[in-house]
PDB file of N, CA and C in Angstrom:
ATOM      1  N   MET A   1      97.131  92.763  95.177  1.00  0.00           N
ATOM      2  CA  MET A   1      97.813  93.044  95.892  1.00  0.00           C
ATOM      3  C   MET A   1      97.804  94.586  96.391  1.00  0.00           C
ATOM      4  N   ARG A   2      97.692  95.054  97.700  1.00  0.00           N
ATOM      5  CA  ARG A   2      97.460  96.292  98.051  1.00  0.00           C
ATOM      6  C   ARG A   2      98.919  96.937  97.864  1.00  0.00           C
ATOM      7  N   LEU A   3      98.699  98.171  97.184  1.00  0.00           N
ATOM      8  CA  LEU A   3      99.701  99.202  96.948  1.00  0.00           C
ATOM      9  C   LEU A   3      99.772 100.120  97.900  1.00  0.00           C
ATOM     10  N   SER A   4     101.241 100.655  98.205  1.00  0.00           N
ATOM     11  CA  SER A   4     101.467 101.694  99.031  1.00  0.00           C
ATOM     12  C   SER A   4     100.868 102.955  98.414  1.00  0.00           C
ATOM     13  N   VAL A   5     100.771 104.177  99.221  1.00  0.00           N
ATOM     14  CA  VAL A   5     100.264 105.335  98.720  1.00  0.00           C
ATOM     15  C   VAL A   5     101.346 105.876  97.669  1.00  0.00           C
ATOM     16  N   ASP A   6     102.596 105.676  97.858  1.00  0.00           N
ATOM     17  CA  ASP A   6     103.596 106.089  96.931  1.00  0.00           C
ATOM     18  C   ASP A   6     103.508 105.314  95.639  1.00  0.00           C
ATOM     19  N   GLU A   7     103.307 103.857  95.691  1.00  0.00           N
ATOM     20  CA  GLU A   7     102.970 103.123  94.588  1.00  0.00           C
ATOM     21  C   GLU A   7     101.771 103.574  93.783  1.00  0.00           C
ATOM     22  N   VAL A   8     100.635 103.735  94.505  1.00  0.00           N
ATOM     23  CA  VAL A   8      99.684 104.415  93.876  1.00  0.00           C
ATOM     24  C   VAL A   8      99.939 105.617  93.044  1.00  0.00           C
ATOM     25  N   ARG A   9     100.534 106.626  93.807  1.00  0.00           N
ATOM     26  CA  ARG A   9     100.860 108.019  93.439  1.00  0.00           C
ATOM     27  C   ARG A   9     101.706 107.776  91.848  1.00  0.00           C
ATOM     28  N   LYS A  10     102.654 106.933  91.997  1.00  0.00           N
ATOM     29  CA  LYS A  10     103.516 106.663  90.605  1.00  0.00           C
ATOM     30  C   LYS A  10     102.707 106.227  89.846  1.00  0.00           C
ATOM     31  N   GLN A  11     101.777 105.300  89.906  1.00  0.00           N
ATOM     32  CA  GLN A  11     101.097 104.644  89.076  1.00  0.00           C
ATOM     33  C   GLN A  11     100.350 105.861  88.273  1.00  0.00           C
ATOM     34  N   HIS A  12      99.620 106.634  89.050  1.00  0.00           N
ATOM     35  CA  HIS A  12      98.669 107.844  88.855  1.00  0.00           C
ATOM     36  C   HIS A  12      99.301 108.688  87.938  1.00  0.00           C
ATOM     37  N   ASP A  13     100.457 108.996  88.525  1.00  0.00           N
ATOM     38  CA  ASP A  13     101.311 110.217  87.753  1.00  0.00           C
ATOM     39  C   ASP A  13     101.770 109.679  86.311  1.00  0.00           C
ATOM     40  N   GLY A  14     102.041 108.201  86.360  1.00  0.00           N
ATOM     41  CA  GLY A  14     102.416 107.806  84.836  1.00  0.00           C
ATOM     42  C   GLY A  14     101.270 107.928  83.877  1.00  0.00           C
ATOM     43  N   ILE A  15     100.178 107.348  84.286  1.00  0.00           N
ATOM     44  CA  ILE A  15      99.266 107.333  83.488  1.00  0.00           C
ATOM     45  C   ILE A  15      98.718 108.539  83.224  1.00  0.00           C
ATOM     46  N   LYS A  16      98.732 109.681  84.070  1.00  0.00           N
ATOM     47  CA  LYS A  16      98.333 111.031  83.917  1.00  0.00           C
ATOM     48  C   LYS A  16      99.259 111.750  82.760  1.00  0.00           C
ATOM     49  N   LYS A  17     100.507 111.267  83.065  1.00  0.00           N
ATOM     50  CA  LYS A  17     101.397 111.878  81.984  1.00  0.00           C
ATOM     51  C   LYS A  17     101.375 111.483  80.430  1.00  0.00           C
ATOM     52  N   LEU A  18     100.986 110.126  80.440  1.00  0.00           N
ATOM     53  CA  LEU A  18     100.738 109.546  79.173  1.00  0.00           C
ATOM     54  C   LEU A  18      99.431 110.492  78.653  1.00  0.00           C
ATOM     55  N   TYR A  19      98.497 110.467  79.303  1.00  0.00           N
ATOM     56  CA  TYR A  19      97.171 111.087  79.102  1.00  0.00           C
ATOM     57  C   TYR A  19      97.512 112.509  78.411  1.00  0.00           C
ATOM     58  N   GLU A  20      98.366 113.476  79.267  1.00  0.00           N
ATOM     59  CA  GLU A  20      98.557 114.646  79.097  1.00  0.00           C
ATOM     60  C   GLU A  20      99.487 114.865  77.807  1.00  0.00           C
ATOM     61  N   GLN A  21     100.104 114.015  77.492  1.00  0.00           N
ATOM     62  CA  GLN A  21     101.059 113.767  76.119  1.00  0.00           C
ATOM     63  C   GLN A  21     100.123 113.429  74.905  1.00  0.00           C
ATOM     64  N   GLY A  22      99.077 113.403  75.067  1.00  0.00           N
ATOM     65  CA  GLY A  22      97.987 112.933  73.933  1.00  0.00           C
ATOM     66  C   GLY A  22      97.832 111.393  73.775  1.00  0.00           C
ATOM     67  N   LEU A  23      98.471 110.522  74.605  1.00  0.00           N
ATOM     68  CA  LEU A  23      98.373 109.222  74.392  1.00  0.00           C
ATOM     69  C   LEU A  23      97.060 108.834  75.210  1.00  0.00           C
ATOM     70  N   ARG A  24      95.885 109.129  74.588  1.00  0.00           N
ATOM     71  CA  ARG A  24      94.700 108.751  75.016  1.00  0.00           C
ATOM     72  C   ARG A  24      94.283 107.451  74.895  1.00  0.00           C
ATOM     73  N   GLY A  25      94.873 106.644  73.867  1.00  0.00           N
ATOM     74  CA  GLY A  25      94.647 105.426  73.504  1.00  0.00           C
ATOM     75  C   GLY A  25      95.702 104.462  74.472  1.00  0.00           C
ATOM     76  N   ALA A  26      96.632 105.122  75.074  1.00  0.00           N
ATOM     77  CA  ALA A  26      97.524 104.451  75.865  1.00  0.00           C
ATOM     78  C   ALA A  26      96.664 103.692  76.940  1.00  0.00           C
ATOM     79  N   THR A  27      96.653 102.407  77.284  1.00  0.00           N
ATOM     80  CA  THR A  27      96.029 101.647  78.351  1.00  0.00           C
ATOM     81  C   THR A  27      97.000 101.459  79.480  1.00  0.00           C
ATOM     82  N   ALA A  28      96.553 101.446  80.679  1.00  0.00           N
ATOM     83  CA  ALA A  28      97.223 100.760  81.957  1.00  0.00           C
ATOM     84  C   ALA A  28      97.001  99.373  81.712  1.00  0.00           C
ATOM     85  N   SER A  29      98.088  98.646  82.360  1.00  0.00           N
ATOM     86  CA  SER A  29      97.924  97.045  82.194  1.00  0.00           C
ATOM     87  C   SER A  29      96.983  96.557  83.091  1.00  0.00           C
ATOM     88  N   VAL A  30      96.882  95.435  82.820  1.00  0.00           N
ATOM     89  CA  VAL A  30      95.483  94.821  83.474  1.00  0.00           C
ATOM     90  C   VAL A  30      95.934  94.616  85.115  1.00  0.00           C
ATOM     91  N   GLU A  31      97.182  94.237  85.128  1.00  0.00           N
ATOM     92  CA  GLU A  31      98.038  94.132  86.525  1.00  0.00           C
ATOM     93  C   GLU A  31      97.778  95.538  87.451  1.00  0.00           C
ATOM     94  N   GLN A  32      98.176  96.567  86.703  1.00  0.00           N
ATOM     95  CA  GLN A  32      97.964  97.868  87.423  1.00  0.00           C
ATOM     96  C   GLN A  32      96.647  98.162  87.753  1.00  0.00           C
ATOM     97  N   VAL A  33      95.739  98.157  86.883  1.00  0.00           N
ATOM     98  CA  VAL A  33      94.297  98.355  87.035  1.00  0.00           C
ATOM     99  C   VAL A  33      93.737  97.302  88.448  1.00  0.00           C
ATOM    100  N   LEU A  34      94.103  96.058  88.391  1.00  0.00           N
ATOM    101  CA  LEU A  34      93.679  95.280  89.418  1.00  0.00           C
ATOM    102  C   LEU A  34      94.306  95.409  90.806  1.00  0.00           C
ATOM    103  N   ASP A  35      95.553  95.770  90.744  1.00  0.00           N
ATOM    104  CA  ASP A  35      96.205  96.197  91.930  1.00  0.00           C
ATOM    105  C   ASP A  35      95.641  97.525  92.645  1.00  0.00           C
ATOM    106  N   LEU A  36      95.289  98.546  91.477  1.00  0.00           N
ATOM    107  CA  LEU A  36      94.475  99.541  91.944  1.00  0.00           C
ATOM    108  C   LEU A  36      93.171  99.223  92.794  1.00  0.00           C
ATOM    109  N   PHE A  37      92.591  98.493  92.069  1.00  0.00           N
ATOM    110  CA  PHE A  37      90.863  97.793  92.533  1.00  0.00           C
ATOM    111  C   PHE A  37      91.232  97.239  94.015  1.00  0.00           C
ATOM    112  N   ASP A  38      92.378  96.180  94.122  1.00  0.00           N
ATOM    113  CA  ASP A  38      92.628  95.644  95.217  1.00  0.00           C
ATOM    114  C   ASP A  38      93.047  96.790  96.422  1.00  0.00           C
ATOM    115  N   THR A  39      93.752  97.769  96.322  1.00  0.00           N
ATOM    116  CA  THR A  39      94.089  98.648  96.905  1.00  0.00           C
ATOM    117  C   THR A  39      92.743  99.667  97.672  1.00  0.00           C
ATOM    118  N   ILE A  40      91.941  99.752  96.560  1.00  0.00           N
ATOM    119  CA  ILE A  40      90.753 100.561  96.866  1.00  0.00           C
ATOM    120  C   ILE A  40      89.791  99.670  97.928  1.00  0.00           C
ATOM    121  N   GLU A  41      89.530  98.280  97.442  1.00  0.00           N
ATOM    122  CA  GLU A  41      88.982  97.587  98.263  1.00  0.00           C
ATOM    123  C   GLU A  41      89.399  97.280  99.681  1.00  0.00           C
ATOM    124  N   SER A  42      90.799  97.204  99.774  1.00  0.00           N
ATOM    125  CA  SER A  42      91.564  97.233 101.053  1.00  0.00           C
ATOM    126  C   SER A  42      91.145  98.041 101.879  1.00  0.00           C
ATOM    127  N   LEU A  43      91.247  99.552 101.279  1.00  0.00           N
ATOM    128  CA  LEU A  43      90.980 100.552 101.921  1.00  0.00           C
ATOM    129  C   LEU A  43      89.789 100.767 102.438  1.00  0.00           C
ATOM    130  N   GLN A  44      88.731 100.362 101.570  1.00  0.00           N
ATOM    131  CA  GLN A  44      87.152 100.348 102.149  1.00  0.00           C
ATOM    132  C   GLN A  44      86.950  99.559 103.525  1.00  0.00           C
ATOM    133  N   GLN A  45      87.490  98.417 103.233  1.00  0.00           N
ATOM    134  CA  GLN A  45      87.485  97.314 104.514  1.00  0.00           C
ATOM    135  C   GLN A  45      87.999  97.948 105.639  1.00  0.00           C
ATOM    136  N   GLU A  46      89.152  98.468 105.519  1.00  0.00           N
ATOM    137  CA  GLU A  46      89.996  99.196 106.635  1.00  0.00           C
ATOM    138  C   GLU A  46      89.079 100.206 107.230  1.00  0.00           C
ATOM    139  N   ASN A  47      88.663 101.202 106.281  1.00  0.00           N
ATOM    140  CA  ASN A  47      87.529 102.331 106.504  1.00  0.00           C
ATOM    141  C   ASN A  47      86.386 101.828 107.541  1.00  0.00           C
ATOM    142  N   GLU A  48      85.806 100.562 107.183  1.00  0.00           N
ATOM    143  CA  GLU A  48      84.771 100.113 107.653  1.00  0.00           C
ATOM    144  C   GLU A  48      85.147  99.560 109.015  1.00  0.00           C
ATOM    145  N   GLN A  49      86.237  98.990 109.189  1.00  0.00           N
ATOM    146  CA  GLN A  49      86.723  98.140 110.720  1.00  0.00           C
ATOM    147  C   GLN A  49      86.885  99.671 111.549  1.00  0.00           C
ATOM    148  N   LEU A  50      87.900 100.812 110.831  1.00  0.00           N
ATOM    149  CA  LEU A  50      87.986 101.894 111.684  1.00  0.00           C
ATOM    150  C   LEU A  50      86.540 102.592 112.272  1.00  0.00           C
ATOM    151  N   ARG A  51      85.697 102.715 111.226  1.00  0.00           N
ATOM    152  CA  ARG A  51      84.219 103.253 111.853  1.00  0.00           C
ATOM    153  C   ARG A  51      83.548 102.340 112.756  1.00  0.00           C
ATOM    154  N   ALA A  52      83.531 100.996 112.634  1.00  0.00           N
ATOM    155  CA  ALA A  52      83.086 100.243 113.772  1.00  0.00           C
ATOM    156  C   ALA A  52      83.789 100.462 115.116  1.00  0.00           C
ATOM    157  N   LYS A  53      85.048 100.554 114.959  1.00  0.00           N
ATOM    158  CA  LYS A  53      86.022 100.891 116.254  1.00  0.00           C
ATOM    159  C   LYS A  53      85.602 102.151 116.711  1.00  0.00           C
ATOM    160  N   LEU A  54      85.342 103.043 116.014  1.00  0.00           N
ATOM    161  CA  LEU A  54      84.881 104.659 116.461  1.00  0.00           C
ATOM    162  C   LEU A  54      83.496 104.442 117.022  1.00  0.00           C
ATOM    163  N   GLU A  55      82.798 103.687 116.680  1.00  0.00           N
ATOM    164  CA  GLU A  55      81.162 103.683 117.143  1.00  0.00           C
ATOM    165  C   GLU A  55      81.549 102.559 118.589  1.00  0.00           C
ATOM    166  N   ASP A  56      82.126 101.765 118.646  1.00  0.00           N
ATOM    167  CA  ASP A  56      82.624 101.082 119.841  1.00  0.00           C
ATOM    168  C   ASP A  56      83.145 102.117 121.041  1.00  0.00           C
ATOM    169  N   TRP A  57      83.978 102.879 120.486  1.00  0.00           N
ATOM    170  CA  TRP A  57      84.580 103.976 121.374  1.00  0.00           C
ATOM    171  C   TRP A  57      83.612 104.903 121.971  1.00  0.00           C
ATOM    172  N   LYS A  58      82.759 105.661 121.146  1.00  0.00           N
ATOM    173  CA  LYS A  58      81.481 106.315 121.220  1.00  0.00           C
ATOM    174  C   LYS A  58      80.763 105.816 122.556  1.00  0.00           C
ATOM    175  N   HIS A  59      80.365 104.615 122.138  1.00  0.00           N
ATOM    176  CA  HIS A  59      79.457 103.840 123.069  1.00  0.00           C
ATOM    177  C   HIS A  59      80.247 103.680 124.497  1.00  0.00           C
ATOM    178  N   GLU A  60      81.605 103.586 124.358  1.00  0.00           N
ATOM    179  CA  GLU A  60      82.208 103.230 125.598  1.00  0.00           C
ATOM    180  C   GLU A  60      82.279 104.596 126.733  1.00  0.00           C
ATOM    181  N   VAL A  61      82.485 105.679 125.522  1.00  0.00           N
ATOM    182  CA  VAL A  61      82.882 106.873 126.336  1.00  0.00           C
ATOM    183  C   VAL A  61      81.138 107.448 127.043  1.00  0.00           C
ATOM    184  N   GLN A  62      80.162 106.991 125.980  1.00  0.00           N
ATOM    185  CA  GLN A  62      78.906 107.529 126.639  1.00  0.00           C
ATOM    186  C   GLN A  62      78.573 106.802 127.947  1.00  0.00           C
ATOM    187  N   CYS A  63      79.017 105.344 128.148  1.00  0.00           N
ATOM    188  CA  CYS A  63      78.666 104.531 129.241  1.00  0.00           C
ATOM    189  C   CYS A  63      79.418 105.083 130.513  1.00  0.00           C
ATOM    190  N   HIS A  64      80.849 105.730 129.961  1.00  0.00           N
ATOM    191  CA  HIS A  64      81.547 106.361 131.122  1.00  0.00           C
ATOM    192  C   HIS A  64      81.032 107.631 131.566  1.00  0.00           C
ATOM    193  N   MET A  65      80.294 108.325 130.554  1.00  0.00           N
ATOM    194  CA  MET A  65      79.701 109.668 130.950  1.00  0.00           C
ATOM    195  C   MET A  65      78.401 109.490 131.858  1.00  0.00           C
ATOM    196  N   ASP A  66      77.770 108.280 131.496  1.00  0.00           N
ATOM    197  CA  ASP A  66      76.646 107.977 132.194  1.00  0.00           C
ATOM    198  C   ASP A  66      76.863 107.785 133.677  1.00  0.00           C
ATOM    199  N   GLU A  67      77.991 106.955 133.855  1.00  0.00           N
ATOM    200  CA  GLU A  67      78.500 106.718 135.268  1.00  0.00           C
ATOM    201  C   GLU A  67      78.948 107.969 136.036  1.00  0.00           C
ATOM    202  N   VAL A  68      79.718 109.056 135.249  1.00  0.00           N
ATOM    203  CA  VAL A  68      79.964 109.978 135.831  1.00  0.00           C
ATOM    204  C   VAL A  68      78.767 110.833 136.512  1.00  0.00           C
ATOM    205  N   VAL A  69      77.498 110.927 135.541  1.00  0.00           N
ATOM    206  CA  VAL A  69      76.431 111.772 135.847  1.00  0.00           C
ATOM    207  C   VAL A  69      75.592 111.043 137.080  1.00  0.00           C
ATOM    208  N   ALA A  70      75.631 109.683 137.222  1.00  0.00           N
ATOM    209  CA  ALA A  70      75.290 109.038 138.092  1.00  0.00           C
ATOM    210  C   ALA A  70      75.951 109.387 139.459  1.00  0.00           C
ATOM    211  N   ARG A  71      77.077 109.282 139.285  1.00  0.00           N
ATOM    212  CA  ARG A  71      77.853 109.537 140.586  1.00  0.00           C
ATOM    213  C   ARG A  71      77.656 110.935 141.189  1.00  0.00           C
ATOM    214  N   ASP A  72      77.606 112.087 140.346  1.00  0.00           N
ATOM    215  CA  ASP A  72      77.383 113.529 140.435  1.00  0.00           C
ATOM    216  C   ASP A  72      75.943 113.413 141.374  1.00  0.00           C
ATOM    217  N   LYS A  73      75.015 112.760 140.698  1.00  0.00           N
ATOM    218  CA  LYS A  73      73.799 112.741 141.323  1.00  0.00           C
ATOM    219  C   LYS A  73      73.879 112.187 142.937  1.00  0.00           C
ATOM    220  N   GLU A  74      74.712 111.087 142.843  1.00  0.00           N
ATOM    221  CA  GLU A  74      74.679 110.486 144.225  1.00  0.00           C
ATOM    222  C   GLU A  74      75.543 111.266 145.277  1.00  0.00           C
ATOM    223  N   ILE A  75      76.460 112.138 144.575  1.00  0.00           N
ATOM    224  CA  ILE A  75      77.195 113.309 145.490  1.00  0.00           C
ATOM    225  C   ILE A  75      76.362 114.271 145.965  1.00  0.00           C
ATOM    226  N   GLU A  76      75.288 114.692 145.100  1.00  0.00           N
ATOM    227  CA  GLU A  76      74.636 115.621 145.426  1.00  0.00           C
ATOM    228  C   GLU A  76      73.568 115.208 146.472  1.00  0.00           C
ATOM    229  N   LYS A  77      73.118 114.112 146.433  1.00  0.00           N
ATOM    230  CA  LYS A  77      72.218 113.607 147.760  1.00  0.00           C
ATOM    231  C   LYS A  77      72.826 113.416 148.958  1.00  0.00           C
ATOM    232  N   LEU A  78      74.139 113.061 148.741  1.00  0.00           N
ATOM    233  CA  LEU A  78      74.763 113.077 150.029  1.00  0.00           C
ATOM    234  C   LEU A  78      75.081 114.267 150.677  1.00  0.00           C
ATOM    235  N   ARG A  79      75.440 115.325 149.759  1.00  0.00           N
ATOM    236  CA  ARG A  79      75.585 116.914 150.088  1.00  0.00           C
ATOM    237  C   ARG A  79      74.355 117.227 151.146  1.00  0.00           C
ATOM    238  N   GLY A  80      73.321 116.878 150.243  1.00  0.00           N
ATOM    239  CA  GLY A  80      71.875 117.475 150.956  1.00  0.00           C
ATOM    240  C   GLY A  80      71.685 116.710 152.124  1.00  0.00           C
ATOM    241  N   ARG A  81      71.940 115.608 152.409  1.00  0.00           N
ATOM    242  CA  ARG A  81      71.766 114.848 153.671  1.00  0.00           C
ATOM    243  C   ARG A  81      72.767 115.450 154.711  1.00  0.00           C
ATOM    244  N   LEU A  82      73.856 115.922 154.287  1.00  0.00           N
ATOM    245  CA  LEU A  82      74.906 116.547 155.089  1.00  0.00           C
ATOM    246  C   LEU A  82      74.515 117.822 155.637  1.00  0.00           C
ATOM    247  N   VAL A  83      73.783 118.789 154.903  1.00  0.00           N
ATOM    248  CA  VAL A  83      73.397 120.088 155.105  1.00  0.00           C
ATOM    249  C   VAL A  83      72.392 119.925 156.059  1.00  0.00           C
ATOM    250  N   GLU A  84      71.489 118.800 156.100  1.00  0.00           N
ATOM    251  CA  GLU A  84      70.507 118.619 157.115  1.00  0.00           C
ATOM    252  C   GLU A  84      70.948 118.368 158.602  1.00  0.00           C
ATOM    253  N   LEU A  85      72.172 117.938 158.734  1.00  0.00           N
ATOM    254  CA  LEU A  85      72.672 117.627 160.032  1.00  0.00           C
ATOM    255  C   LEU A  85      72.641 118.975 160.915  1.00  0.00           C
ATOM    256  N   PRO A  86      72.285 118.971 162.208  1.00  0.00           N
ATOM    257  CA  PRO A  86      72.194 120.237 162.866  1.00  0.00           C
ATOM    258  C   PRO A  86      73.798 120.266 163.491  1.00  0.00           C
ATOM    259  N   ASN A  87      73.975 121.616 163.460  1.00  0.00           N
ATOM    260  CA  ASN A  87      75.204 122.069 164.050  1.00  0.00           C
ATOM    261  C   ASN A  87      76.602 121.367 163.486  1.00  0.00           C
ATOM    262  N   VAL A  88      76.291 121.116 162.220  1.00  0.00           N
ATOM    263  CA  VAL A  88      77.502 120.535 161.514  1.00  0.00           C
ATOM    264  C   VAL A  88      77.376 121.161 159.957  1.00  0.00           C
ATOM    265  N   ARG A  89      78.478 121.799 159.753  1.00  0.00           N
ATOM    266  CA  ARG A  89      78.672 122.226 158.320  1.00  0.00           C
ATOM    267  C   ARG A  89      79.616 122.016 157.685  1.00  0.00           C
ATOM    268  N   PHE A  90      79.481 121.706 156.143  1.00  0.00           N
ATOM    269  CA  PHE A  90      80.492 121.181 155.352  1.00  0.00           C
ATOM    270  C   PHE A  90      80.628 122.022 154.248  1.00  0.00           C
ATOM    271  N   CYS A  91      81.805 122.191 153.422  1.00  0.00           N
ATOM    272  CA  CYS A  91      82.206 122.927 152.516  1.00  0.00           C
ATOM    273  C   CYS A  91      81.348 122.464 151.309  1.00  0.00           C
ATOM    274  N   PRO A  92      80.620 123.280 150.463  1.00  0.00           N
ATOM    275  CA  PRO A  92      79.953 122.777 149.756  1.00  0.00           C
ATOM    276  C   PRO A  92      80.486 122.576 148.394  1.00  0.00           C
ATOM    277  N   MET A  93      81.867 122.828 148.116  1.00  0.00           N
ATOM    278  CA  MET A  93      82.815 122.498 147.137  1.00  0.00           C
ATOM    279  C   MET A  93      83.459 121.251 147.269  1.00  0.00           C
ATOM    280  N   CYS A  94      84.241 120.937 148.467  1.00  0.00           N
ATOM    281  CA  CYS A  94      84.925 119.753 148.642  1.00  0.00           C
ATOM    282  C   CYS A  94      84.314 118.834 149.689  1.00  0.00           C
ATOM    283  N   GLY A  95      83.233 119.424 150.544  1.00  0.00           N
ATOM    284  CA  GLY A  95      82.737 118.415 151.528  1.00  0.00           C
ATOM    285  C   GLY A  95      83.437 118.174 152.884  1.00  0.00           C
ATOM    286  N   LYS A  96      84.316 119.292 153.068  1.00  0.00           N
ATOM    287  CA  LYS A  96      85.329 119.043 154.115  1.00  0.00           C
ATOM    288  C   LYS A  96      84.137 119.601 155.293  1.00  0.00           C
ATOM    289  N   ARG A  97      84.492 119.038 156.642  1.00  0.00           N
ATOM    290  CA  ARG A  97      83.522 119.634 157.757  1.00  0.00           C
ATOM    291  C   ARG A  97      84.315 120.666 158.170  1.00  0.00           C
ATOM    292  N   LEU A  98      83.368 121.715 158.201  1.00  0.00           N
ATOM    293  CA  LEU A  98      83.906 122.938 158.852  1.00  0.00           C
ATOM    294  C   LEU A  98      83.592 123.253 160.300  1.00  0.00           C
ATOM    295  N   GLU A  99      84.507 124.081 160.733  1.00  0.00           N
ATOM    296  CA  GLU A  99      84.142 124.386 162.242  1.00  0.00           C
ATOM    297  C   GLU A  99      82.991 125.119 162.409  1.00  0.00           C
ATOM    298  N   VAL A 100      82.076 124.646 163.465  1.00  0.00           N
ATOM    299  CA  VAL A 100      80.811 125.300 163.851  1.00  0.00           C
ATOM    300  C   VAL A 100      80.959 126.128 164.994  1.00  0.00           C
ATOM    301  N   GLU A 101      80.521 127.213 164.960  1.00  0.00           N
ATOM    302  CA  GLU A 101      80.543 128.175 166.335  1.00  0.00           C
ATOM    303  C   GLU A 101      79.289 127.618 166.825  1.00  0.00           C
ATOM    304  N   PRO A 102      79.482 127.590 168.370  1.00  0.00           N
ATOM    305  CA  PRO A 102      78.464 127.089 169.045  1.00  0.00           C
ATOM    306  C   PRO A 102      77.218 128.070 169.483  1.00  0.00           C
TER     307      PRO A 102
END
């Protein structure tokens, strides 16, 4: 059975209190120990799942960034073509057509 953080803390505090009182021979019940092991295993599995999800998100972000870079390159190519047009000027920042003096 997976324990809550509060339940783990209570068991830990109880065992620690017995230990500090000199009851070093006092043992935790088998059920307590098994619950703690189940909790640890459950948390390890959850941690692995979260790490896998994080890796998926990192990959997704990288794909989006690659797409942004590709679009930026395409925009730069298009801006270069616009500059080559005679008697036509465009704002280099926004691409808006500017009035040209004859």
